[in-house]
């Protein structure tokens, strides 16, 4: 794959220099301080064979189609609740459920236009889905720019290894926005440069030709949304790829203290005069408690067997599952359904007796708040750590785009833990990323 170890390390240093020059960064808030840092890149790629990818692609399309059907159903007819497939307590108690979205179907009936599905490959060779991200999934820009730089530094590597071209993400994203655009500009709404993914916002705007805007540059007039440029000129907006959370999107409908949203944008959306990508209210479908029911959704809406498996998951909400969790507690991982980014994840075998007692008491009081999963011994991928090749845990975020059709980008964000004892790979927890090679033959 590479010429030799020494040459690889030299090229890795060059790639790191170029990534730093291009400002490939992410930001985190720590102790109320904004810290911006480079996203560590490893030059050894994850390789997925064509045969393996063909299965993943079918399974991902199937899953996202079912999740979109669920969202449409939940905010309209609620058949899946009436038929007893998903308990209403899990829907209406979800922090992601938004009653404001009731009764409205967005353009073309698509709720999740850009879905980030996180998977791991077990050492048994089986791919497991860990979670679905349907609100504002981030990360696609990092493999895009990393591949571009790697091509320049190692052009023969890609020519000789039959790697599928991943330079079409911007085209897929633009076509997705165009598919639901109600007439007007495509814009990417950013909260500003102090957001953790601001690099990505600006990069995707440049690559898709969309306007990069903040809330102060958008205004609602006569039930339409307009972009106002520096001279005061206005242009109608037809699609907003928003990179801010639901609650901050519209201070007149959601959090009144939001300074980054657009007053009455939700009213324009409800009238069908602008598309919002992804739609508000999607959080009900990527709730970790709802995750448990996705295989049942696939059977219910599509009348198909799931192609890809969930990690073995238990809901303490059900007495039978709670009994299993209590009897097998020490070998499980517990997740708070409202947390994200690697937070709220607890490995039971690492708890002190006091922590265990406190957690079990909380579990008894709030069973809906947690899921329990068996720990998947997922595969290690090699990385370079201070010039030494070592194995580390890694996952894959696949990007599924839904417009006129549902398509999977032939790439993805492979994240790895830099801690040899950790299963947590998120950038916010110190993880790095690498290129994902999907072989074309």
Protein backbone atom coordinates (compact mmCIF):
# COMPACT_ATOMS: atom_id res chain seq x y z
CA UNK A 1 0.00 0.00 0.00
CA UNK A 2 2.85 2.35 0.86
CA UNK A 3 6.41 2.24 -0.42
CA UNK A 4 8.17 1.83 2.94
CA UNK A 5 7.89 2.88 6.58
CA UNK A 6 10.36 5.76 6.38
CA UNK A 7 8.77 7.21 3.25
CA UNK A 8 5.30 6.92 4.81
CA UNK A 9 6.36 8.85 7.91
CA UNK A 10 7.93 11.60 5.80
CA UNK A 11 4.76 11.95 3.75
CA UNK A 12 2.66 11.88 6.93
CA UNK A 13 4.59 14.89 8.25
CA UNK A 14 3.97 16.74 4.98
CA UNK A 15 0.24 15.93 5.12
CA UNK A 16 0.06 17.20 8.72
CA UNK A 17 1.77 20.44 7.68
CA UNK A 18 -0.74 20.98 4.88
CA UNK A 19 -3.71 20.17 7.11
CA UNK A 20 -2.45 22.75 9.62
CA UNK A 21 -1.94 25.31 6.84
CA UNK A 22 -5.53 24.78 5.66
CA UNK A 23 -6.81 25.17 9.22
CA UNK A 24 -8.39 21.72 9.55
CA UNK A 25 -9.50 22.26 13.12
CA UNK A 26 -12.32 21.63 15.54
CA UNK A 27 -13.13 23.51 18.70
CA UNK A 28 -14.28 22.48 22.15
CA UNK A 29 -15.35 24.36 25.23
CA UNK A 30 -13.43 23.30 28.31
CA UNK A 31 -13.90 25.03 31.66
CA UNK A 32 -15.87 27.79 29.87
CA UNK A 33 -12.93 28.44 27.52
CA UNK A 34 -13.06 27.93 23.75
CA UNK A 35 -10.10 25.83 22.63
CA UNK A 36 -9.43 25.36 18.92
CA UNK A 37 -7.08 22.58 17.90
CA UNK A 38 -6.01 20.54 14.92
CA UNK A 39 -7.93 17.32 14.33
CA UNK A 40 -5.16 14.65 14.50
CA UNK A 41 -4.86 12.75 11.21
CA UNK A 42 -3.32 9.32 10.73
CA UNK A 43 -1.96 8.36 7.34
CA UNK A 44 -2.79 4.62 7.48
CA UNK A 45 -6.27 4.30 5.87
CA UNK A 46 -9.18 2.09 6.79
CA UNK A 47 -9.80 -0.21 3.78
CA UNK A 48 -13.28 -1.53 2.95
CA UNK A 49 -13.63 -4.03 0.12
CA UNK A 50 -16.18 -3.49 -2.65
CA UNK A 51 -18.13 -6.59 -1.55
CA UNK A 52 -18.27 -5.38 2.03
CA UNK A 53 -19.29 -1.88 0.98
CA UNK A 54 -22.12 -3.17 -1.22
CA UNK A 55 -23.73 -4.73 1.87
CA UNK A 56 -23.13 -1.64 4.00
CA UNK A 57 -24.61 0.61 1.34
CA UNK A 58 -27.83 -1.40 1.07
CA UNK A 59 -28.17 -1.61 4.83
CA UNK A 60 -27.59 2.10 5.37
CA UNK A 61 -30.13 3.11 2.70
CA UNK A 62 -32.66 0.72 4.23
CA UNK A 63 -32.12 2.13 7.73
CA UNK A 64 -32.34 5.80 6.75
CA UNK A 65 -35.46 5.21 4.63
CA UNK A 66 -37.10 3.58 7.67
CA UNK A 67 -36.04 6.43 9.96
CA UNK A 68 -37.49 8.99 7.54
CA UNK A 69 -40.73 7.01 7.43
CA UNK A 70 -40.79 6.95 11.23
CA UNK A 71 -40.34 10.73 11.48
CA UNK A 72 -43.14 11.37 8.99
CA UNK A 73 -45.41 8.96 10.84
CA UNK A 74 -44.65 10.31 14.33
CA UNK A 75 -45.48 13.88 13.36
CA UNK A 76 -48.64 12.89 11.45
CA UNK A 77 -50.62 9.62 11.81
CA UNK A 78 -48.58 7.88 14.58
CA UNK A 79 -49.47 4.45 13.20
CA UNK A 80 -46.40 2.83 14.75
CA UNK A 81 -47.63 3.88 18.19
CA UNK A 82 -51.24 2.87 17.57
CA UNK A 83 -50.08 -0.55 16.39
CA UNK A 84 -48.01 -1.06 19.55
CA UNK A 85 -44.60 -1.27 17.87
CA UNK A 86 -43.07 1.70 19.71
CA UNK A 87 -44.47 2.77 23.12
CA UNK A 88 -45.76 6.33 23.16
CA UNK A 89 -43.78 6.98 26.36
CA UNK A 90 -40.57 6.64 24.36
CA UNK A 91 -41.69 9.14 21.76
CA UNK A 92 -43.35 11.90 23.72
CA UNK A 93 -40.87 11.83 26.63
CA UNK A 94 -37.90 12.13 24.27
CA UNK A 95 -35.99 15.40 24.58
CA UNK A 96 -35.81 15.41 20.77
CA UNK A 97 -39.57 15.31 20.22
CA UNK A 98 -40.94 18.74 19.23
CA UNK A 99 -44.73 19.20 19.47
CA UNK A 100 -44.32 22.36 17.36
CA UNK A 101 -43.62 20.08 14.36
CA UNK A 102 -46.91 18.19 14.66
CA UNK A 103 -48.99 17.88 11.51
CA UNK A 104 -46.42 19.23 9.06
CA UNK A 105 -44.60 17.29 6.34
CA UNK A 106 -41.56 19.08 4.82
CA UNK A 107 -40.80 19.31 1.08
CA UNK A 108 -40.83 15.87 -0.59
CA UNK A 109 -41.57 14.27 2.79
CA UNK A 110 -37.88 14.18 3.74
CA UNK A 111 -36.97 14.86 7.36
CA UNK A 112 -33.37 13.64 7.55
CA UNK A 113 -31.57 14.85 4.43
CA UNK A 114 -28.08 14.20 5.83
CA UNK A 115 -27.76 11.24 8.19
CA UNK A 116 -24.56 10.32 10.00
CA UNK A 117 -24.70 6.63 10.95
CA UNK A 118 -21.98 5.43 13.33
CA UNK A 119 -20.81 1.84 12.93
CA UNK A 120 -18.10 -0.45 14.27
CA UNK A 121 -16.78 -3.67 12.85
CA UNK A 122 -16.56 -6.43 15.44
CA UNK A 123 -13.67 -8.83 15.56
CA UNK A 124 -16.22 -11.40 14.42
CA UNK A 125 -16.32 -9.52 11.08
CA UNK A 126 -19.88 -8.23 11.63
CA UNK A 127 -20.69 -4.53 11.28
CA UNK A 128 -22.84 -3.12 14.09
CA UNK A 129 -24.65 0.21 14.13
CA UNK A 130 -23.94 2.11 17.34
CA UNK A 131 -26.10 5.17 16.80
CA UNK A 132 -27.98 7.30 14.30
CA UNK A 133 -27.29 11.04 13.98
CA UNK A 134 -30.17 12.84 12.27
CA UNK A 135 -30.00 16.35 13.68
CA UNK A 136 -26.80 18.10 12.63
CA UNK A 137 -24.28 15.32 11.86
CA UNK A 138 -20.83 16.75 11.26
CA UNK A 139 -17.46 15.54 10.03
CA UNK A 140 -17.74 14.98 6.26
CA UNK A 141 -15.36 17.83 5.42
CA UNK A 142 -12.42 16.19 7.20
CA UNK A 143 -12.09 13.11 4.96
CA UNK A 144 -12.80 15.34 1.95
CA UNK A 145 -9.84 17.63 2.51
CA UNK A 146 -7.61 14.87 3.88
CA UNK A 147 -8.09 12.81 0.71
CA UNK A 148 -7.39 15.87 -1.43
CA UNK A 149 -4.10 16.50 0.37
CA UNK A 150 -3.13 12.81 0.40
CA UNK A 151 -3.66 12.66 -3.36
CA UNK A 152 -1.18 15.47 -3.80
CA UNK A 153 1.39 13.92 -1.46
CA UNK A 154 0.94 10.29 -2.59
CA UNK A 155 -0.65 10.30 -6.07
CA UNK A 156 0.53 6.83 -7.08
CA UNK A 157 -0.96 5.26 -3.97
CA UNK A 158 -4.50 5.99 -5.12
CA UNK A 159 -3.82 5.06 -8.72
CA UNK A 160 -2.43 1.66 -7.78
CA UNK A 161 -5.02 0.64 -5.18
CA UNK A 162 -8.32 1.19 -7.04
CA UNK A 163 -9.80 3.46 -4.37
CA UNK A 164 -13.28 4.87 -5.12
CA UNK A 165 -13.19 8.62 -5.70
CA UNK A 166 -14.72 10.51 -2.76
CA UNK A 167 -14.60 13.99 -4.30
CA UNK A 168 -18.33 13.97 -5.06
CA UNK A 169 -19.64 14.75 -1.55
CA UNK A 170 -20.13 18.43 -2.37
CA UNK A 171 -22.08 17.45 -5.48
CA UNK A 172 -24.25 15.04 -3.46
CA UNK A 173 -24.88 17.72 -0.86
CA UNK A 174 -25.78 20.35 -3.46
CA UNK A 175 -28.14 17.94 -5.23
CA UNK A 176 -29.78 17.16 -1.89
CA UNK A 177 -30.33 20.86 -1.18
CA UNK A 178 -31.57 21.47 -4.72
CA UNK A 179 -34.03 18.57 -4.45
CA UNK A 180 -35.99 20.24 -1.62
CA UNK A 181 -35.28 23.90 -2.43
CA UNK A 182 -38.57 25.84 -2.57
CA UNK A 183 -37.17 28.51 -4.92
CA UNK A 184 -34.18 30.69 -4.11
CA UNK A 185 -30.65 30.46 -2.74
CA UNK A 186 -29.07 27.57 -0.92
CA UNK A 187 -27.47 28.82 2.30
CA UNK A 188 -25.45 27.23 5.09
CA UNK A 189 -26.41 28.75 8.43
CA UNK A 190 -23.54 28.90 10.92
CA UNK A 191 -23.53 30.19 14.48
CA UNK A 192 -20.09 31.66 13.78
CA UNK A 193 -16.39 30.95 14.03
CA UNK A 194 -16.54 29.93 17.69
CA UNK A 195 -18.60 26.90 16.82
CA UNK A 196 -16.68 23.61 17.05
CA UNK A 197 -17.33 22.78 13.37
CA UNK A 198 -16.88 26.23 11.82
CA UNK A 199 -14.11 24.95 9.55
CA UNK A 200 -16.60 22.51 8.08
CA UNK A 201 -19.32 25.13 7.60
CA UNK A 202 -17.05 27.37 5.56
CA UNK A 203 -15.49 24.48 3.64
CA UNK A 204 -18.84 23.01 2.58
CA UNK A 205 -20.17 26.43 1.58
CA UNK A 206 -17.16 26.95 -0.66
CA UNK A 207 -17.43 23.50 -2.24
CA UNK A 208 -21.21 23.57 -2.85
CA UNK A 209 -21.46 27.19 -3.92
CA UNK A 210 -23.95 27.90 -1.11
CA UNK A 211 -23.87 31.18 0.80
CA UNK A 212 -22.28 30.93 4.26
CA UNK A 213 -24.51 33.06 6.49
CA UNK A 214 -25.21 33.80 10.12
CA UNK A 215 -28.57 34.61 11.64
CA UNK A 216 -28.17 38.37 11.28
CA UNK A 217 -27.94 38.01 7.48
CA UNK A 218 -31.33 36.31 7.13
CA UNK A 219 -34.68 38.04 7.55
CA UNK A 220 -38.32 37.01 7.26
CA UNK A 221 -40.66 39.20 5.21
CA UNK A 222 -44.10 38.39 3.78
CA UNK A 223 -43.85 34.72 4.81
CA UNK A 224 -40.56 34.26 2.92
CA UNK A 225 -36.92 34.09 3.99
CA UNK A 226 -34.36 36.47 2.48
CA UNK A 227 -30.59 36.78 2.51
CA UNK A 228 -29.47 40.38 3.03
CA UNK A 229 -25.97 41.20 1.75
CA UNK A 230 -23.61 43.95 2.91
CA UNK A 231 -25.25 46.50 0.60
CA UNK A 232 -28.76 45.79 1.86
CA UNK A 233 -29.83 43.88 -1.27
CA UNK A 234 -32.16 40.92 -0.64
CA UNK A 235 -32.38 37.52 -2.31
CA UNK A 236 -34.98 34.88 -1.57
CA UNK A 237 -33.72 31.75 0.19
CA UNK A 238 -35.12 28.35 -0.78
CA UNK A 239 -33.08 25.94 1.37
CA UNK A 240 -31.24 26.41 4.67
CA UNK A 241 -28.64 23.82 5.66
CA UNK A 242 -28.62 24.84 9.29
CA UNK A 243 -25.69 24.00 11.53
CA UNK A 244 -27.32 25.13 14.76
CA UNK A 245 -29.48 23.14 17.17
CA UNK A 246 -33.27 23.11 17.04
CA UNK A 247 -33.75 25.14 20.19
CA UNK A 248 -31.64 28.06 18.91
CA UNK A 249 -33.12 28.16 15.40
CA UNK A 250 -35.99 30.56 16.03
CA UNK A 251 -36.28 32.71 19.19
CA UNK A 252 -39.96 33.40 18.46
CA UNK A 253 -40.87 29.70 18.46
CA UNK A 254 -38.22 27.97 20.54
CA UNK A 255 -35.63 29.37 22.97
CA UNK A 256 -36.42 33.10 23.33
CA UNK A 257 -32.88 33.80 24.51
CA UNK A 258 -31.29 32.62 21.25
CA UNK A 259 -29.13 35.29 19.62
CA UNK A 260 -28.05 33.15 16.67
CA UNK A 261 -31.41 32.15 15.19
CA UNK A 262 -33.80 33.87 12.80
CA UNK A 263 -37.12 35.16 14.18
CA UNK A 264 -40.08 33.44 12.48
CA UNK A 265 -38.00 31.13 10.22
CA UNK A 266 -40.01 28.24 11.63
CA UNK A 267 -43.25 29.94 10.54
CA UNK A 268 -41.89 30.26 6.98
CA UNK A 269 -40.90 26.59 7.09
CA UNK A 270 -44.37 25.56 8.30
CA UNK A 271 -45.93 27.44 5.39
CA UNK A 272 -43.77 25.42 2.96
CA UNK A 273 -41.82 28.46 1.77
CA UNK A 274 -38.34 27.28 2.76
CA UNK A 275 -36.68 23.91 3.30
CA UNK A 276 -34.67 23.38 6.48
CA UNK A 277 -31.95 20.74 6.32
CA UNK A 278 -32.18 18.71 8.53
CA UNK A 279 -35.71 19.44 9.67
CA UNK A 280 -36.46 20.48 13.25
CA UNK A 281 -37.73 17.66 15.45
CA UNK A 282 -35.47 14.92 14.11
CA UNK A 283 -34.01 14.33 17.56
CA UNK A 284 -36.90 12.04 18.41
CA UNK A 285 -35.54 9.50 15.91
CA UNK A 286 -31.90 9.55 17.01
CA UNK A 287 -32.73 9.31 20.69
CA UNK A 288 -30.66 6.39 22.01
CA UNK A 289 -33.83 4.86 23.47
CA UNK A 290 -35.57 4.95 20.08
CA UNK A 291 -32.44 3.30 18.55
CA UNK A 292 -33.62 0.07 20.19
CA UNK A 293 -36.70 0.07 17.94
CA UNK A 294 -35.07 0.79 14.55
CA UNK A 295 -34.94 -2.89 13.47
CA UNK A 296 -38.68 -3.05 14.23
CA UNK A 297 -39.23 0.13 12.19
CA UNK A 298 -37.54 -1.48 9.18
CA UNK A 299 -39.89 -4.46 9.38
CA UNK A 300 -42.93 -2.24 10.03
CA UNK A 301 -42.45 0.40 7.32
CA UNK A 302 -40.49 -1.48 4.68
CA UNK A 303 -41.61 -5.07 5.30
CA UNK A 304 -37.95 -6.11 5.14
CA UNK A 305 -35.50 -7.82 7.46
CA UNK A 306 -32.75 -5.48 8.71
CA UNK A 307 -29.54 -5.85 6.72
CA UNK A 308 -27.33 -4.29 9.41
CA UNK A 309 -27.48 -5.14 13.10
CA UNK A 310 -27.82 -2.95 16.17
CA UNK A 311 -25.39 -3.61 18.98
CA UNK A 312 -27.14 -5.94 21.48
CA UNK A 313 -29.19 -3.40 23.46
CA UNK A 314 -31.41 -3.54 26.54
CA UNK A 315 -34.01 -1.06 27.78
CA UNK A 316 -34.30 -0.91 31.58
CA UNK A 317 -37.74 0.57 30.88
CA UNK A 318 -38.87 -3.02 30.31
CA UNK A 319 -38.82 -5.23 33.41
CA UNK A 320 -37.37 -8.18 31.50
CA UNK A 321 -34.51 -6.05 30.15
CA UNK A 322 -33.94 -4.39 33.54
CA UNK A 323 -33.60 -7.83 35.14
CA UNK A 324 -30.98 -8.76 32.53
CA UNK A 325 -29.11 -5.48 33.10
CA UNK A 326 -29.00 -5.98 36.88
CA UNK A 327 -27.85 -9.59 36.54
CA UNK A 328 -25.14 -8.77 33.96
CA UNK A 329 -24.31 -5.23 35.03
CA UNK A 330 -20.52 -5.54 35.17
CA UNK A 331 -20.17 -6.59 31.53
CA UNK A 332 -22.34 -3.83 30.04
CA UNK A 333 -21.86 -0.26 28.85
CA UNK A 334 -24.52 2.22 29.98
CA UNK A 335 -25.52 5.26 27.93
CA UNK A 336 -27.53 8.31 28.87
CA UNK A 337 -30.02 8.71 26.00
CA UNK A 338 -29.82 12.52 26.07
CA UNK A 339 -26.03 12.78 25.78
CA UNK A 340 -23.83 12.85 22.66
CA UNK A 341 -20.20 13.24 21.59
CA UNK A 342 -18.97 10.39 23.77
CA UNK A 343 -20.38 11.94 26.93
CA UNK A 344 -22.73 10.04 29.24
CA UNK A 345 -21.10 6.69 28.38
CA UNK A 346 -20.14 4.55 31.38
CA UNK A 347 -18.46 1.14 31.38
CA UNK A 348 -19.88 -0.73 34.37
CA UNK A 349 -16.69 -2.69 35.03
CA UNK A 350 -14.79 0.56 35.58
CA UNK A 351 -17.14 1.87 38.30
CA UNK A 352 -16.18 1.97 41.96
CA UNK A 353 -18.61 0.23 44.36
CA UNK A 354 -19.92 3.68 45.39
CA UNK A 355 -20.42 4.78 41.77
CA UNK A 356 -22.17 1.50 40.98
CA UNK A 357 -24.57 1.87 43.93
CA UNK A 358 -25.39 5.47 42.97
CA UNK A 359 -25.94 4.52 39.32
CA UNK A 360 -28.24 1.61 40.15
CA UNK A 361 -30.30 3.89 42.36
CA UNK A 362 -30.60 6.39 39.49
CA UNK A 363 -31.46 3.58 37.07
CA UNK A 364 -34.31 2.50 39.34
CA UNK A 365 -35.69 6.07 39.45
CA UNK A 366 -35.22 6.93 35.76
CA UNK A 367 -35.22 3.74 33.64
CA UNK A 368 -36.22 5.65 30.47
CA UNK A 369 -33.05 7.73 30.75
CA UNK A 370 -30.61 4.89 29.98
CA UNK A 371 -29.90 2.07 27.60
CA UNK A 372 -27.50 -0.77 28.27
CA UNK A 373 -25.42 -2.45 25.60
CA UNK A 374 -23.09 -5.41 25.48
CA UNK A 375 -19.53 -4.26 24.90
CA UNK A 376 -18.58 -5.04 21.32
CA UNK A 377 -14.94 -5.96 20.98
CA UNK A 378 -14.58 -3.98 17.79
CA UNK A 379 -11.56 -4.14 15.55
CA UNK A 380 -8.35 -2.22 16.05
CA UNK A 381 -6.82 -0.29 13.18
CA UNK A 382 -3.15 0.56 12.98
CA UNK A 383 -2.09 4.16 13.59
CA UNK A 384 1.29 5.85 13.94
CA UNK A 385 1.95 7.01 17.49
CA UNK A 386 5.22 8.96 17.70
CA UNK A 387 6.52 7.07 14.68
CA UNK A 388 5.54 3.63 15.99
CA UNK A 389 2.75 1.63 14.37
CA UNK A 390 0.26 0.55 17.06
CA UNK A 391 -3.36 -0.75 17.12
CA UNK A 392 -6.21 1.48 18.33
CA UNK A 393 -10.00 1.20 18.45
CA UNK A 394 -11.80 2.87 15.51
CA UNK A 395 -15.34 3.44 14.31
CA UNK A 396 -16.86 4.69 11.05
CA UNK A 397 -19.38 7.46 10.46
CA UNK A 398 -21.14 6.86 7.15
CA UNK A 399 -23.00 9.71 5.44
CA UNK A 400 -26.37 9.01 3.84
CA UNK A 401 -27.98 11.78 1.77
CA UNK A 402 -31.69 11.80 1.01
CA UNK A 403 -33.11 13.95 -1.80
CA UNK A 404 -34.73 12.63 -4.96
CA UNK A 405 -33.14 9.31 -3.96
CA UNK A 406 -31.25 7.98 -0.93
CA UNK A 407 -27.50 7.67 -1.54
CA UNK A 408 -24.47 6.74 0.53
CA UNK A 409 -21.20 8.62 0.09
CA UNK A 410 -18.43 6.17 -0.83
CA UNK A 411 -16.18 7.31 1.98
CA UNK A 412 -16.80 8.28 5.58
CA UNK A 413 -15.16 9.54 8.73
CA UNK A 414 -13.05 6.89 10.42
CA UNK A 415 -12.32 8.05 13.96
CA UNK A 416 -9.87 6.37 16.31
CA UNK A 417 -8.98 6.56 19.96
CA UNK A 418 -5.46 7.73 20.74
CA UNK A 419 -5.73 6.14 24.17
CA UNK A 420 -4.77 2.43 24.03
CA UNK A 421 -7.25 1.63 26.85
CA UNK A 422 -10.24 3.54 25.50
CA UNK A 423 -13.19 2.65 23.26
CA UNK A 424 -14.22 6.35 22.96
CA UNK A 425 -13.18 7.75 19.57
CA UNK A 426 -14.92 11.16 19.45
CA UNK A 427 -12.83 14.22 18.59
CA UNK A 428 -14.24 15.95 21.67
CA UNK A 429 -12.66 13.15 23.71
CA UNK A 430 -9.24 13.46 22.07
CA UNK A 431 -9.68 11.08 19.13
CA UNK A 432 -8.17 11.42 15.66
CA UNK A 433 -9.29 10.51 12.15
CA UNK A 434 -8.04 8.71 9.05
CA UNK A 435 -9.00 8.29 5.42
CA UNK A 436 -11.57 5.63 4.52
CA UNK A 437 -10.81 3.71 1.35
CA UNK A 438 -13.74 2.04 -0.34
CA UNK A 439 -12.22 -0.15 -3.03
CA UNK A 440 -13.81 0.10 -6.47
CA UNK A 441 -13.06 -3.50 -7.43
